[in-house]
Amino acid sequence: MNKECENLALYFYGEMEPQQAAAFKQHLLHCKDCQREMAFLQQMQAALVPPAAPQQLAEQVLAQARPARRWTWLFAPALALVLLLGVGGLFWRMGPSASAFSDDGVSFMASISAEADEEYNSFVSDFEAFEEEF
């Protein structure tokens, strides 16, 4: 084996420039190692390709296949409408009192915000104390 032999995979997979491929083809005519390796690669490639189904079997399968039922697509819009009405009805029954912007919702958000501010300020003071120590 020589340096040319390292390009066998590139040649086999068609990754070489046309000039390089022509030069390697000449090398392949005289190099027994590359010929043996090329035969092995071709056998492996042939083994990995699944055999085609017999034509008669393919025709039978296609003949027995049922066409898609087009009427089932009519149910999709109806189902979407039912879901939309159900969710809309749920929100309608909850009414405006369930809004996050009602008085209860605003006071709840304010209390959460105050707790978060207090926790942040505590963290900042602890961090500043830590920095002063070190």
N, C-alpha and C. Protein backbone atom coordinates (compact mmCIF):
# COMPACT_ATOMS: atom_id res chain seq x y z
N MET A 1 0.85 -1.18 0.00
CA MET A 1 0.00 0.00 0.00
C MET A 1 0.89 1.24 0.00
N ASN A 2 0.43 2.23 -0.72
CA ASN A 2 1.16 3.49 -0.74
C ASN A 2 0.20 4.64 -0.47
N LYS A 3 0.67 5.84 -0.64
CA LYS A 3 -0.14 7.02 -0.33
C LYS A 3 -1.38 7.11 -1.22
N GLU A 4 -1.28 6.65 -2.46
CA GLU A 4 -2.42 6.66 -3.38
C GLU A 4 -3.57 5.81 -2.85
N CYS A 5 -3.22 4.72 -2.18
CA CYS A 5 -4.24 3.79 -1.69
C CYS A 5 -5.16 4.42 -0.65
N GLU A 6 -4.70 5.47 0.00
CA GLU A 6 -5.52 6.14 1.02
C GLU A 6 -6.74 6.83 0.41
N ASN A 7 -6.73 7.05 -0.90
CA ASN A 7 -7.83 7.75 -1.56
C ASN A 7 -8.91 6.81 -2.09
N LEU A 8 -8.82 5.54 -1.76
CA LEU A 8 -9.77 4.57 -2.30
C LEU A 8 -11.22 4.90 -1.91
N ALA A 9 -11.45 5.24 -0.67
CA ALA A 9 -12.82 5.55 -0.23
C ALA A 9 -13.35 6.78 -0.95
N LEU A 10 -12.50 7.78 -1.14
CA LEU A 10 -12.94 8.97 -1.88
C LEU A 10 -13.34 8.61 -3.30
N TYR A 11 -12.56 7.74 -3.93
CA TYR A 11 -12.87 7.31 -5.29
C TYR A 11 -14.16 6.50 -5.31
N PHE A 12 -14.30 5.59 -4.36
CA PHE A 12 -15.46 4.70 -4.33
C PHE A 12 -16.77 5.49 -4.18
N TYR A 13 -16.76 6.51 -3.32
CA TYR A 13 -17.97 7.29 -3.07
C TYR A 13 -18.11 8.48 -4.02
N GLY A 14 -17.22 8.60 -5.00
CA GLY A 14 -17.34 9.67 -5.99
C GLY A 14 -17.04 11.05 -5.46
N GLU A 15 -16.15 11.15 -4.49
CA GLU A 15 -15.84 12.41 -3.85
C GLU A 15 -14.59 13.07 -4.42
N MET A 16 -14.01 12.51 -5.46
CA MET A 16 -12.78 13.07 -6.03
C MET A 16 -13.11 14.00 -7.20
N GLU A 17 -12.21 14.93 -7.44
CA GLU A 17 -12.30 15.77 -8.63
C GLU A 17 -12.08 14.86 -9.85
N PRO A 18 -12.61 15.24 -11.01
CA PRO A 18 -12.48 14.38 -12.20
C PRO A 18 -11.03 14.02 -12.54
N GLN A 19 -10.11 14.97 -12.42
CA GLN A 19 -8.71 14.68 -12.73
C GLN A 19 -8.12 13.69 -11.74
N GLN A 20 -8.42 13.88 -10.47
CA GLN A 20 -7.92 12.96 -9.45
C GLN A 20 -8.52 11.56 -9.64
N ALA A 21 -9.81 11.51 -10.00
CA ALA A 21 -10.46 10.23 -10.20
C ALA A 21 -9.83 9.48 -11.36
N ALA A 22 -9.51 10.20 -12.43
CA ALA A 22 -8.87 9.55 -13.59
C ALA A 22 -7.50 9.01 -13.21
N ALA A 23 -6.74 9.77 -12.42
CA ALA A 23 -5.43 9.31 -11.98
C ALA A 23 -5.56 8.10 -11.07
N PHE A 24 -6.56 8.11 -10.19
CA PHE A 24 -6.74 6.98 -9.28
C PHE A 24 -7.19 5.74 -10.05
N LYS A 25 -7.99 5.95 -11.09
CA LYS A 25 -8.43 4.82 -11.89
C LYS A 25 -7.23 4.10 -12.53
N GLN A 26 -6.26 4.88 -12.96
CA GLN A 26 -5.03 4.29 -13.50
C GLN A 26 -4.27 3.52 -12.41
N HIS A 27 -4.22 4.10 -11.22
CA HIS A 27 -3.58 3.43 -10.08
C HIS A 27 -4.30 2.11 -9.78
N LEU A 28 -5.61 2.14 -9.85
CA LEU A 28 -6.42 0.97 -9.53
C LEU A 28 -6.16 -0.19 -10.50
N LEU A 29 -5.81 0.13 -11.72
CA LEU A 29 -5.51 -0.92 -12.70
C LEU A 29 -4.29 -1.75 -12.32
N HIS A 30 -3.36 -1.15 -11.56
CA HIS A 30 -2.09 -1.81 -11.27
C HIS A 30 -1.91 -2.24 -9.81
N CYS A 31 -2.75 -1.72 -8.91
CA CYS A 31 -2.57 -1.99 -7.48
C CYS A 31 -3.51 -3.12 -7.04
N LYS A 32 -2.95 -4.25 -6.68
CA LYS A 32 -3.74 -5.42 -6.27
C LYS A 32 -4.45 -5.17 -4.94
N ASP A 33 -3.79 -4.45 -4.01
CA ASP A 33 -4.41 -4.16 -2.72
C ASP A 33 -5.68 -3.32 -2.92
N CYS A 34 -5.59 -2.30 -3.76
CA CYS A 34 -6.75 -1.44 -4.00
C CYS A 34 -7.85 -2.20 -4.74
N GLN A 35 -7.47 -3.09 -5.64
CA GLN A 35 -8.47 -3.89 -6.35
C GLN A 35 -9.23 -4.78 -5.38
N ARG A 36 -8.49 -5.39 -4.46
CA ARG A 36 -9.11 -6.25 -3.44
C ARG A 36 -10.04 -5.43 -2.54
N GLU A 37 -9.57 -4.27 -2.12
CA GLU A 37 -10.38 -3.40 -1.24
C GLU A 37 -11.61 -2.88 -1.98
N MET A 38 -11.46 -2.54 -3.26
CA MET A 38 -12.58 -2.05 -4.06
C MET A 38 -13.62 -3.15 -4.21
N ALA A 39 -13.20 -4.37 -4.44
CA ALA A 39 -14.13 -5.50 -4.55
C ALA A 39 -14.89 -5.70 -3.24
N PHE A 40 -14.18 -5.57 -2.13
CA PHE A 40 -14.83 -5.70 -0.83
C PHE A 40 -15.88 -4.60 -0.62
N LEU A 41 -15.53 -3.35 -0.94
CA LEU A 41 -16.47 -2.25 -0.78
C LEU A 41 -17.70 -2.44 -1.67
N GLN A 42 -17.52 -2.93 -2.88
CA GLN A 42 -18.65 -3.16 -3.77
C GLN A 42 -19.55 -4.28 -3.24
N GLN A 43 -18.95 -5.33 -2.67
CA GLN A 43 -19.74 -6.41 -2.08
C GLN A 43 -20.53 -5.91 -0.88
N MET A 44 -19.90 -5.09 -0.06
CA MET A 44 -20.58 -4.55 1.12
C MET A 44 -21.75 -3.65 0.71
N GLN A 45 -21.53 -2.84 -0.29
CA GLN A 45 -22.59 -1.96 -0.77
C GLN A 45 -23.76 -2.78 -1.33
N ALA A 46 -23.45 -3.81 -2.07
CA ALA A 46 -24.51 -4.66 -2.63
C ALA A 46 -25.27 -5.39 -1.52
N ALA A 47 -24.57 -5.76 -0.46
CA ALA A 47 -25.22 -6.46 0.65
C ALA A 47 -26.13 -5.54 1.45
N LEU A 48 -25.82 -4.26 1.47
CA LEU A 48 -26.61 -3.31 2.25
C LEU A 48 -27.86 -2.83 1.52
N VAL A 49 -27.93 -3.00 0.23
CA VAL A 49 -29.10 -2.57 -0.53
C VAL A 49 -30.16 -3.65 -0.43
N PRO A 50 -31.34 -3.31 0.10
CA PRO A 50 -32.37 -4.34 0.23
C PRO A 50 -32.91 -4.73 -1.15
N PRO A 51 -33.27 -5.98 -1.31
CA PRO A 51 -33.80 -6.40 -2.61
C PRO A 51 -35.17 -5.78 -2.86
N ALA A 52 -35.48 -5.53 -4.10
CA ALA A 52 -36.77 -4.95 -4.46
C ALA A 52 -37.86 -6.02 -4.33
N ALA A 53 -39.06 -5.58 -4.01
CA ALA A 53 -40.18 -6.50 -3.91
C ALA A 53 -40.55 -7.00 -5.31
N PRO A 54 -40.98 -8.23 -5.42
CA PRO A 54 -41.40 -8.73 -6.73
C PRO A 54 -42.53 -7.87 -7.29
N GLN A 55 -42.54 -7.67 -8.59
CA GLN A 55 -43.53 -6.79 -9.23
C GLN A 55 -44.95 -7.26 -8.97
N GLN A 56 -45.18 -8.57 -9.00
CA GLN A 56 -46.53 -9.11 -8.79
C GLN A 56 -47.02 -8.78 -7.37
N LEU A 57 -46.16 -8.92 -6.37
CA LEU A 57 -46.54 -8.61 -5.00
C LEU A 57 -46.86 -7.12 -4.85
N ALA A 58 -46.04 -6.27 -5.45
CA ALA A 58 -46.29 -4.83 -5.36
C ALA A 58 -47.63 -4.48 -5.99
N GLU A 59 -47.97 -5.08 -7.11
CA GLU A 59 -49.26 -4.81 -7.76
C GLU A 59 -50.43 -5.28 -6.90
N GLN A 60 -50.29 -6.45 -6.24
CA GLN A 60 -51.35 -6.95 -5.38
C GLN A 60 -51.58 -6.02 -4.19
N VAL A 61 -50.51 -5.56 -3.59
CA VAL A 61 -50.64 -4.67 -2.43
C VAL A 61 -51.31 -3.37 -2.84
N LEU A 62 -50.90 -2.82 -3.96
CA LEU A 62 -51.49 -1.56 -4.42
C LEU A 62 -52.95 -1.75 -4.80
N ALA A 63 -53.31 -2.90 -5.35
CA ALA A 63 -54.69 -3.15 -5.73
C ALA A 63 -55.59 -3.29 -4.50
N GLN A 64 -55.05 -3.84 -3.42
CA GLN A 64 -55.85 -4.05 -2.22
C GLN A 64 -55.91 -2.82 -1.32
N ALA A 65 -55.03 -1.88 -1.55
CA ALA A 65 -55.01 -0.68 -0.69
C ALA A 65 -56.29 0.11 -0.90
N ARG A 66 -56.91 0.50 0.19
CA ARG A 66 -58.14 1.29 0.10
C ARG A 66 -57.78 2.76 -0.08
N PRO A 67 -58.55 3.47 -0.86
CA PRO A 67 -58.32 4.92 -0.97
C PRO A 67 -58.66 5.59 0.36
N ALA A 68 -58.01 6.69 0.62
CA ALA A 68 -58.26 7.42 1.88
C ALA A 68 -59.71 7.88 1.92
N ARG A 69 -60.30 7.79 3.09
CA ARG A 69 -61.68 8.23 3.25
C ARG A 69 -61.69 9.74 3.36
N ARG A 70 -62.26 10.37 2.37
CA ARG A 70 -62.28 11.83 2.36
C ARG A 70 -63.31 12.39 3.34
N TRP A 71 -64.33 11.62 3.66
CA TRP A 71 -65.38 12.13 4.54
C TRP A 71 -64.89 12.32 5.97
N THR A 72 -63.77 11.67 6.33
CA THR A 72 -63.26 11.85 7.69
C THR A 72 -62.74 13.27 7.90
N TRP A 73 -62.31 13.93 6.84
CA TRP A 73 -61.82 15.31 6.98
C TRP A 73 -62.96 16.28 7.28
N LEU A 74 -64.20 15.86 7.08
CA LEU A 74 -65.32 16.73 7.42
C LEU A 74 -65.48 16.84 8.93
N PHE A 75 -65.00 15.85 9.66
CA PHE A 75 -65.13 15.88 11.11
C PHE A 75 -64.15 16.84 11.78
N ALA A 76 -63.02 17.12 11.15
CA ALA A 76 -62.02 18.01 11.76
C ALA A 76 -62.58 19.41 12.02
N PRO A 77 -63.23 20.08 11.04
CA PRO A 77 -63.80 21.39 11.35
C PRO A 77 -64.91 21.32 12.40
N ALA A 78 -65.72 20.26 12.36
CA ALA A 78 -66.78 20.12 13.35
C ALA A 78 -66.19 19.96 14.76
N LEU A 79 -65.14 19.18 14.87
CA LEU A 79 -64.48 18.99 16.16
C LEU A 79 -63.87 20.31 16.65
N ALA A 80 -63.27 21.06 15.75
CA ALA A 80 -62.70 22.37 16.13
C ALA A 80 -63.80 23.31 16.62
N LEU A 81 -64.95 23.29 15.96
CA LEU A 81 -66.05 24.15 16.37
C LEU A 81 -66.56 23.76 17.76
N VAL A 82 -66.69 22.47 18.02
CA VAL A 82 -67.15 22.00 19.33
C VAL A 82 -66.16 22.42 20.42
N LEU A 83 -64.87 22.26 20.16
CA LEU A 83 -63.87 22.66 21.15
C LEU A 83 -63.90 24.16 21.39
N LEU A 84 -64.03 24.93 20.34
CA LEU A 84 -64.08 26.39 20.47
C LEU A 84 -65.29 26.82 21.28
N LEU A 85 -66.44 26.22 21.00
CA LEU A 85 -67.65 26.56 21.77
C LEU A 85 -67.51 26.12 23.22
N GLY A 86 -66.91 24.97 23.45
CA GLY A 86 -66.73 24.50 24.82
C GLY A 86 -65.83 25.40 25.63
N VAL A 87 -64.69 25.79 25.05
CA VAL A 87 -63.77 26.68 25.76
C VAL A 87 -64.40 28.05 25.94
N GLY A 88 -65.07 28.54 24.91
CA GLY A 88 -65.75 29.85 25.02
C GLY A 88 -66.82 29.83 26.09
N GLY A 89 -67.58 28.74 26.14
CA GLY A 89 -68.62 28.62 27.17
C GLY A 89 -68.02 28.57 28.57
N LEU A 90 -66.89 27.93 28.70
CA LEU A 90 -66.22 27.85 30.00
C LEU A 90 -65.81 29.25 30.47
N PHE A 91 -65.22 30.03 29.57
CA PHE A 91 -64.83 31.40 29.94
C PHE A 91 -66.05 32.27 30.20
N TRP A 92 -67.12 32.05 29.45
CA TRP A 92 -68.33 32.86 29.64
C TRP A 92 -68.94 32.58 31.02
N ARG A 93 -68.90 31.31 31.44
CA ARG A 93 -69.46 30.95 32.75
C ARG A 93 -68.62 31.51 33.89
N MET A 94 -67.30 31.63 33.65
CA MET A 94 -66.43 32.17 34.70
C MET A 94 -66.69 33.65 34.90
N GLY A 95 -67.06 34.34 33.87
CA GLY A 95 -67.40 35.76 33.96
C GLY A 95 -66.18 36.64 34.17
N PRO A 96 -66.43 37.95 34.27
CA PRO A 96 -65.32 38.90 34.39
C PRO A 96 -64.63 38.87 35.75
N SER A 97 -65.22 38.24 36.77
CA SER A 97 -64.60 38.23 38.10
C SER A 97 -63.34 37.39 38.13
N ALA A 98 -63.14 36.53 37.16
CA ALA A 98 -61.97 35.66 37.15
C ALA A 98 -60.77 36.31 36.47
N SER A 99 -60.89 37.56 36.12
CA SER A 99 -59.81 38.24 35.41
C SER A 99 -58.63 38.50 36.34
N ALA A 100 -57.46 38.46 35.79
CA ALA A 100 -56.25 38.77 36.57
C ALA A 100 -56.15 40.25 36.87
N PHE A 101 -56.97 41.07 36.19
CA PHE A 101 -56.92 42.51 36.38
C PHE A 101 -58.01 43.01 37.32
N SER A 102 -58.74 42.11 37.92
CA SER A 102 -59.75 42.53 38.89
C SER A 102 -59.03 43.01 40.15
N ASP A 103 -59.79 43.56 41.08
CA ASP A 103 -59.18 44.09 42.31
C ASP A 103 -58.41 43.01 43.06
N ASP A 104 -58.99 41.81 43.15
CA ASP A 104 -58.31 40.73 43.83
C ASP A 104 -57.03 40.34 43.10
N GLY A 105 -57.10 40.29 41.78
CA GLY A 105 -55.93 39.92 40.99
C GLY A 105 -54.81 40.94 41.11
N VAL A 106 -55.16 42.22 41.11
CA VAL A 106 -54.15 43.28 41.22
C VAL A 106 -53.49 43.24 42.59
N SER A 107 -54.28 43.06 43.64
CA SER A 107 -53.68 43.02 44.98
C SER A 107 -52.81 41.78 45.15
N PHE A 108 -53.22 40.67 44.57
CA PHE A 108 -52.41 39.46 44.63
C PHE A 108 -51.07 39.68 43.93
N MET A 109 -51.10 40.27 42.73
CA MET A 109 -49.87 40.53 41.98
C MET A 109 -48.98 41.51 42.74
N ALA A 110 -49.58 42.51 43.40
CA ALA A 110 -48.79 43.48 44.16
C ALA A 110 -48.09 42.80 45.33
N SER A 111 -48.77 41.87 46.00
CA SER A 111 -48.14 41.19 47.14
C SER A 111 -47.00 40.31 46.67
N ILE A 112 -47.17 39.65 45.53
CA ILE A 112 -46.08 38.83 44.99
C ILE A 112 -44.90 39.71 44.63
N SER A 113 -45.18 40.85 44.03
CA SER A 113 -44.12 41.76 43.63
C SER A 113 -43.37 42.29 44.85
N ALA A 114 -44.10 42.61 45.91
CA ALA A 114 -43.45 43.11 47.13
C ALA A 114 -42.56 42.04 47.75
N GLU A 115 -43.03 40.80 47.78
CA GLU A 115 -42.21 39.71 48.32
C GLU A 115 -40.95 39.51 47.48
N ALA A 116 -41.08 39.59 46.16
CA ALA A 116 -39.92 39.43 45.29
C ALA A 116 -38.92 40.57 45.50
N ASP A 117 -39.43 41.80 45.66
CA ASP A 117 -38.54 42.93 45.90
C ASP A 117 -37.79 42.76 47.22
N GLU A 118 -38.50 42.33 48.25
CA GLU A 118 -37.88 42.13 49.56
C GLU A 118 -36.81 41.05 49.50
N GLU A 119 -37.08 39.96 48.80
CA GLU A 119 -36.11 38.88 48.67
C GLU A 119 -34.89 39.33 47.87
N TYR A 120 -35.11 40.11 46.83
CA TYR A 120 -33.99 40.62 46.02
C TYR A 120 -33.12 41.56 46.84
N ASN A 121 -33.74 42.46 47.59
CA ASN A 121 -32.96 43.39 48.41
C ASN A 121 -32.16 42.65 49.47
N SER A 122 -32.72 41.60 50.05
CA SER A 122 -32.01 40.79 51.02
C SER A 122 -30.80 40.12 50.37
N PHE A 123 -30.98 39.61 49.17
CA PHE A 123 -29.88 38.97 48.45
C PHE A 123 -28.76 39.98 48.16
N VAL A 124 -29.14 41.17 47.72
CA VAL A 124 -28.14 42.20 47.39
C VAL A 124 -27.34 42.57 48.62
N SER A 125 -28.00 42.74 49.76
CA SER A 125 -27.28 43.11 50.97
C SER A 125 -26.35 41.98 51.43
N ASP A 126 -26.81 40.73 51.33
CA ASP A 126 -25.96 39.59 51.67
C ASP A 126 -24.75 39.52 50.75
N PHE A 127 -24.95 39.77 49.47
CA PHE A 127 -23.86 39.71 48.50
C PHE A 127 -22.85 40.83 48.76
N GLU A 128 -23.32 42.01 49.08
CA GLU A 128 -22.41 43.12 49.38
C GLU A 128 -21.59 42.80 50.62
N ALA A 129 -22.22 42.20 51.64
CA ALA A 129 -21.49 41.81 52.85
C ALA A 129 -20.43 40.76 52.53
N PHE A 130 -20.75 39.84 51.66
CA PHE A 130 -19.82 38.82 51.24
C PHE A 130 -18.63 39.44 50.52
N GLU A 131 -18.91 40.40 49.65
CA GLU A 131 -17.82 41.07 48.91
C GLU A 131 -16.88 41.82 49.86
N GLU A 132 -17.44 42.44 50.90
CA GLU A 132 -16.61 43.19 51.85
C GLU A 132 -15.70 42.26 52.63
N GLU A 133 -16.17 41.04 52.92
CA GLU A 133 -15.36 40.09 53.66
C GLU A 133 -14.16 39.63 52.84
N PHE A 134 -14.39 39.44 51.56
CA PHE A 134 -13.33 38.91 50.72
C PHE A 134 -12.86 39.99 49.80
